[in-house]
Amino acid sequence: MDDRIVNQFAIFSVMSDPCALLDDWLRRHPNLWRKVVNPAEIKWEIRDKLDQANITERELFPGLDGLSRWLKRHYSPRHPDARHFNDIN
């Protein structure tokens, strides 16, 4: 079994047919899903909260791929206008 499926507890596995196209399924079932768009200015706050819950690239994408994604995000500078939501200044 794929490590990603194991680590994600199959949360992101919705298709029973491996040949099915997700876009087609979504079009046929519009009442079963919704799109959520988060404003860009709260991106880092959401990332911080997900990190606190241990929902990171390392968990969702096990192996070198997830580790390298997490390291890149963790050590990349944030946008200069973004403030950490826990900063006390």
N, C-alpha and C. Protein backbone atom coordinates (compact mmCIF):
# COMPACT_ATOMS: atom_id res chain seq x y z
N MET A 1 0.85 -1.18 0.00
CA MET A 1 0.00 0.00 0.00
C MET A 1 0.89 1.24 0.00
N ASP A 2 0.46 2.26 -0.68
CA ASP A 2 1.21 3.51 -0.78
C ASP A 2 1.32 4.17 0.60
N ASP A 3 2.53 4.64 0.95
CA ASP A 3 2.75 5.30 2.24
C ASP A 3 1.87 6.52 2.43
N ARG A 4 1.58 7.22 1.33
CA ARG A 4 0.74 8.42 1.46
C ARG A 4 -0.67 8.04 1.91
N ILE A 5 -1.21 6.98 1.37
CA ILE A 5 -2.55 6.55 1.76
C ILE A 5 -2.56 6.16 3.23
N VAL A 6 -1.52 5.48 3.67
CA VAL A 6 -1.43 5.06 5.07
C VAL A 6 -1.36 6.29 5.97
N ASN A 7 -0.48 7.24 5.68
CA ASN A 7 -0.31 8.42 6.53
C ASN A 7 -1.52 9.34 6.51
N GLN A 8 -2.23 9.39 5.41
CA GLN A 8 -3.40 10.25 5.33
C GLN A 8 -4.66 9.55 5.83
N PHE A 9 -4.52 8.31 6.30
CA PHE A 9 -5.65 7.53 6.78
C PHE A 9 -6.76 7.47 5.73
N ALA A 10 -6.36 7.50 4.46
CA ALA A 10 -7.28 7.43 3.32
C ALA A 10 -8.26 8.60 3.27
N ILE A 11 -7.97 9.69 3.98
CA ILE A 11 -8.86 10.85 3.99
C ILE A 11 -9.02 11.42 2.59
N PHE A 12 -7.94 11.43 1.82
CA PHE A 12 -7.99 12.02 0.50
C PHE A 12 -8.29 10.99 -0.59
N SER A 13 -8.64 9.78 -0.21
CA SER A 13 -8.96 8.72 -1.16
C SER A 13 -10.48 8.65 -1.32
N VAL A 14 -10.99 9.12 -2.44
CA VAL A 14 -12.43 9.15 -2.63
C VAL A 14 -12.90 8.32 -3.81
N MET A 15 -12.02 7.89 -4.66
CA MET A 15 -12.42 7.20 -5.88
C MET A 15 -12.28 5.69 -5.71
N SER A 16 -13.33 4.96 -6.02
CA SER A 16 -13.27 3.50 -5.95
C SER A 16 -12.75 2.89 -7.25
N ASP A 17 -12.84 3.64 -8.34
CA ASP A 17 -12.36 3.17 -9.63
C ASP A 17 -11.05 3.90 -9.97
N PRO A 18 -9.93 3.17 -10.07
CA PRO A 18 -8.65 3.85 -10.33
C PRO A 18 -8.59 4.54 -11.69
N CYS A 19 -9.50 4.21 -12.59
CA CYS A 19 -9.52 4.85 -13.92
C CYS A 19 -10.46 6.05 -13.96
N ALA A 20 -11.23 6.26 -12.91
CA ALA A 20 -12.19 7.37 -12.88
C ALA A 20 -11.45 8.70 -12.79
N LEU A 21 -12.06 9.71 -13.36
CA LEU A 21 -11.51 11.06 -13.30
C LEU A 21 -12.24 11.85 -12.23
N LEU A 22 -11.50 12.43 -11.31
CA LEU A 22 -12.10 13.16 -10.20
C LEU A 22 -12.96 14.32 -10.69
N ASP A 23 -12.52 15.04 -11.72
CA ASP A 23 -13.30 16.16 -12.25
C ASP A 23 -14.68 15.72 -12.73
N ASP A 24 -14.74 14.56 -13.40
CA ASP A 24 -16.04 14.05 -13.87
C ASP A 24 -16.94 13.71 -12.69
N TRP A 25 -16.37 13.06 -11.69
CA TRP A 25 -17.16 12.69 -10.51
C TRP A 25 -17.70 13.92 -9.81
N LEU A 26 -16.88 14.95 -9.67
CA LEU A 26 -17.31 16.18 -9.00
C LEU A 26 -18.44 16.86 -9.78
N ARG A 27 -18.36 16.86 -11.10
CA ARG A 27 -19.43 17.45 -11.92
C ARG A 27 -20.74 16.70 -11.75
N ARG A 28 -20.67 15.39 -11.59
CA ARG A 28 -21.89 14.57 -11.43
C ARG A 28 -22.48 14.68 -10.01
N HIS A 29 -21.70 15.13 -9.04
CA HIS A 29 -22.14 15.20 -7.65
C HIS A 29 -21.89 16.59 -7.05
N PRO A 30 -22.48 17.64 -7.60
CA PRO A 30 -22.19 19.00 -7.12
C PRO A 30 -22.65 19.26 -5.69
N ASN A 31 -23.58 18.49 -5.19
CA ASN A 31 -24.09 18.71 -3.84
C ASN A 31 -23.23 18.05 -2.76
N LEU A 32 -22.20 17.31 -3.16
CA LEU A 32 -21.36 16.59 -2.19
C LEU A 32 -20.04 17.28 -1.88
N TRP A 33 -19.78 18.40 -2.47
CA TRP A 33 -18.50 19.05 -2.24
C TRP A 33 -18.69 20.56 -2.30
N ARG A 34 -17.70 21.27 -1.80
CA ARG A 34 -17.67 22.72 -1.92
C ARG A 34 -16.22 23.17 -1.96
N LYS A 35 -16.02 24.28 -2.59
CA LYS A 35 -14.68 24.86 -2.69
C LYS A 35 -14.55 25.94 -1.63
N VAL A 36 -13.46 25.88 -0.88
CA VAL A 36 -13.19 26.87 0.15
C VAL A 36 -11.93 27.63 -0.27
N VAL A 37 -12.04 28.93 -0.37
CA VAL A 37 -10.90 29.77 -0.72
C VAL A 37 -10.55 30.62 0.48
N ASN A 38 -9.36 30.40 1.00
CA ASN A 38 -8.89 31.19 2.15
C ASN A 38 -8.16 32.42 1.65
N PRO A 39 -8.39 33.57 2.27
CA PRO A 39 -7.68 34.78 1.87
C PRO A 39 -6.17 34.61 2.07
N ALA A 40 -5.42 35.15 1.15
CA ALA A 40 -3.95 35.01 1.18
C ALA A 40 -3.35 35.54 2.48
N GLU A 41 -3.96 36.56 3.07
CA GLU A 41 -3.37 37.16 4.26
C GLU A 41 -3.43 36.26 5.49
N ILE A 42 -4.22 35.20 5.46
CA ILE A 42 -4.25 34.29 6.61
C ILE A 42 -3.54 32.96 6.33
N LYS A 43 -2.84 32.89 5.20
CA LYS A 43 -2.14 31.65 4.84
C LYS A 43 -1.19 31.19 5.94
N TRP A 44 -0.37 32.08 6.47
CA TRP A 44 0.63 31.67 7.47
C TRP A 44 -0.02 31.29 8.79
N GLU A 45 -1.12 31.94 9.13
CA GLU A 45 -1.83 31.56 10.35
C GLU A 45 -2.38 30.13 10.22
N ILE A 46 -2.94 29.82 9.07
CA ILE A 46 -3.46 28.47 8.84
C ILE A 46 -2.32 27.46 8.86
N ARG A 47 -1.21 27.80 8.21
CA ARG A 47 -0.04 26.90 8.21
C ARG A 47 0.46 26.64 9.63
N ASP A 48 0.53 27.69 10.43
CA ASP A 48 0.99 27.54 11.82
C ASP A 48 0.06 26.63 12.62
N LYS A 49 -1.23 26.80 12.44
CA LYS A 49 -2.19 25.97 13.17
C LYS A 49 -2.12 24.51 12.70
N LEU A 50 -1.95 24.30 11.41
CA LEU A 50 -1.80 22.93 10.91
C LEU A 50 -0.51 22.31 11.44
N ASP A 51 0.56 23.09 11.49
CA ASP A 51 1.82 22.60 12.06
C ASP A 51 1.64 22.18 13.52
N GLN A 52 0.90 22.97 14.28
CA GLN A 52 0.66 22.64 15.69
C GLN A 52 -0.11 21.33 15.83
N ALA A 53 -0.94 21.02 14.85
CA ALA A 53 -1.70 19.77 14.86
C ALA A 53 -0.93 18.63 14.19
N ASN A 54 0.34 18.89 13.85
CA ASN A 54 1.20 17.92 13.18
C ASN A 54 0.64 17.48 11.82
N ILE A 55 0.00 18.41 11.14
CA ILE A 55 -0.46 18.17 9.77
C ILE A 55 0.50 18.94 8.88
N THR A 56 1.55 18.27 8.46
CA THR A 56 2.61 18.91 7.68
C THR A 56 2.89 18.10 6.43
N GLU A 57 3.73 18.66 5.59
CA GLU A 57 4.15 17.94 4.39
C GLU A 57 4.83 16.62 4.74
N ARG A 58 5.53 16.60 5.87
CA ARG A 58 6.23 15.37 6.29
C ARG A 58 5.25 14.25 6.55
N GLU A 59 4.06 14.58 7.08
CA GLU A 59 3.05 13.56 7.37
C GLU A 59 2.24 13.20 6.13
N LEU A 60 1.84 14.20 5.36
CA LEU A 60 0.99 13.95 4.20
C LEU A 60 1.74 13.31 3.04
N PHE A 61 3.02 13.62 2.91
CA PHE A 61 3.84 13.08 1.81
C PHE A 61 5.09 12.45 2.41
N PRO A 62 4.97 11.21 2.90
CA PRO A 62 6.11 10.58 3.57
C PRO A 62 7.30 10.38 2.64
N GLY A 63 8.46 10.31 3.23
CA GLY A 63 9.68 10.10 2.45
C GLY A 63 10.40 11.40 2.18
N LEU A 64 11.36 11.34 1.31
CA LEU A 64 12.20 12.49 0.99
C LEU A 64 11.39 13.63 0.38
N ASP A 65 10.36 13.32 -0.39
CA ASP A 65 9.54 14.34 -1.03
C ASP A 65 8.89 15.25 0.02
N GLY A 66 8.22 14.66 0.99
CA GLY A 66 7.55 15.45 2.03
C GLY A 66 8.52 16.18 2.93
N LEU A 67 9.62 15.51 3.28
CA LEU A 67 10.62 16.14 4.12
C LEU A 67 11.22 17.36 3.42
N SER A 68 11.52 17.24 2.14
CA SER A 68 12.12 18.37 1.43
C SER A 68 11.11 19.51 1.27
N ARG A 69 9.83 19.20 1.06
CA ARG A 69 8.82 20.26 0.98
C ARG A 69 8.70 21.00 2.31
N TRP A 70 8.70 20.23 3.41
CA TRP A 70 8.58 20.84 4.72
C TRP A 70 9.80 21.71 5.03
N LEU A 71 11.00 21.21 4.74
CA LEU A 71 12.22 21.98 4.99
C LEU A 71 12.23 23.28 4.19
N LYS A 72 11.80 23.19 2.93
CA LYS A 72 11.77 24.38 2.09
C LYS A 72 10.84 25.43 2.68
N ARG A 73 9.64 25.01 3.10
CA ARG A 73 8.69 25.96 3.69
C ARG A 73 9.19 26.47 5.03
N HIS A 74 9.72 25.58 5.84
CA HIS A 74 10.15 25.95 7.19
C HIS A 74 11.29 26.97 7.18
N TYR A 75 12.20 26.84 6.22
CA TYR A 75 13.37 27.72 6.20
C TYR A 75 13.27 28.84 5.17
N SER A 76 12.16 28.95 4.45
CA SER A 76 11.98 30.04 3.50
C SER A 76 11.48 31.27 4.24
N PRO A 77 11.94 32.46 3.84
CA PRO A 77 11.43 33.67 4.49
C PRO A 77 9.96 33.89 4.14
N ARG A 78 9.24 34.40 5.09
CA ARG A 78 7.84 34.73 4.84
C ARG A 78 7.76 36.05 4.11
N HIS A 79 6.60 36.33 3.54
CA HIS A 79 6.37 37.61 2.90
C HIS A 79 6.62 38.71 3.93
N PRO A 80 7.30 39.79 3.57
CA PRO A 80 7.66 40.83 4.54
C PRO A 80 6.46 41.45 5.26
N ASP A 81 5.29 41.45 4.65
CA ASP A 81 4.11 42.04 5.29
C ASP A 81 3.39 41.06 6.21
N ALA A 82 3.74 39.78 6.11
CA ALA A 82 3.05 38.77 6.92
C ALA A 82 3.61 38.80 8.34
N ARG A 83 2.71 38.72 9.31
CA ARG A 83 3.12 38.66 10.72
C ARG A 83 2.70 37.33 11.28
N HIS A 84 3.52 36.77 12.11
CA HIS A 84 3.19 35.53 12.79
C HIS A 84 2.03 35.79 13.72
N PHE A 85 1.01 34.95 13.71
CA PHE A 85 -0.19 35.25 14.48
C PHE A 85 0.04 35.17 15.98
N ASN A 86 1.16 34.61 16.43
CA ASN A 86 1.45 34.56 17.86
C ASN A 86 2.42 35.64 18.31
N ASP A 87 2.87 36.48 17.40
CA ASP A 87 3.81 37.54 17.76
C ASP A 87 3.16 38.49 18.76
N ILE A 88 3.92 38.85 19.76
CA ILE A 88 3.43 39.82 20.75
C ILE A 88 4.35 41.03 20.66
N ASN A 89 3.98 42.01 19.86
CA ASN A 89 4.76 43.22 19.67
C ASN A 89 3.88 44.44 19.78
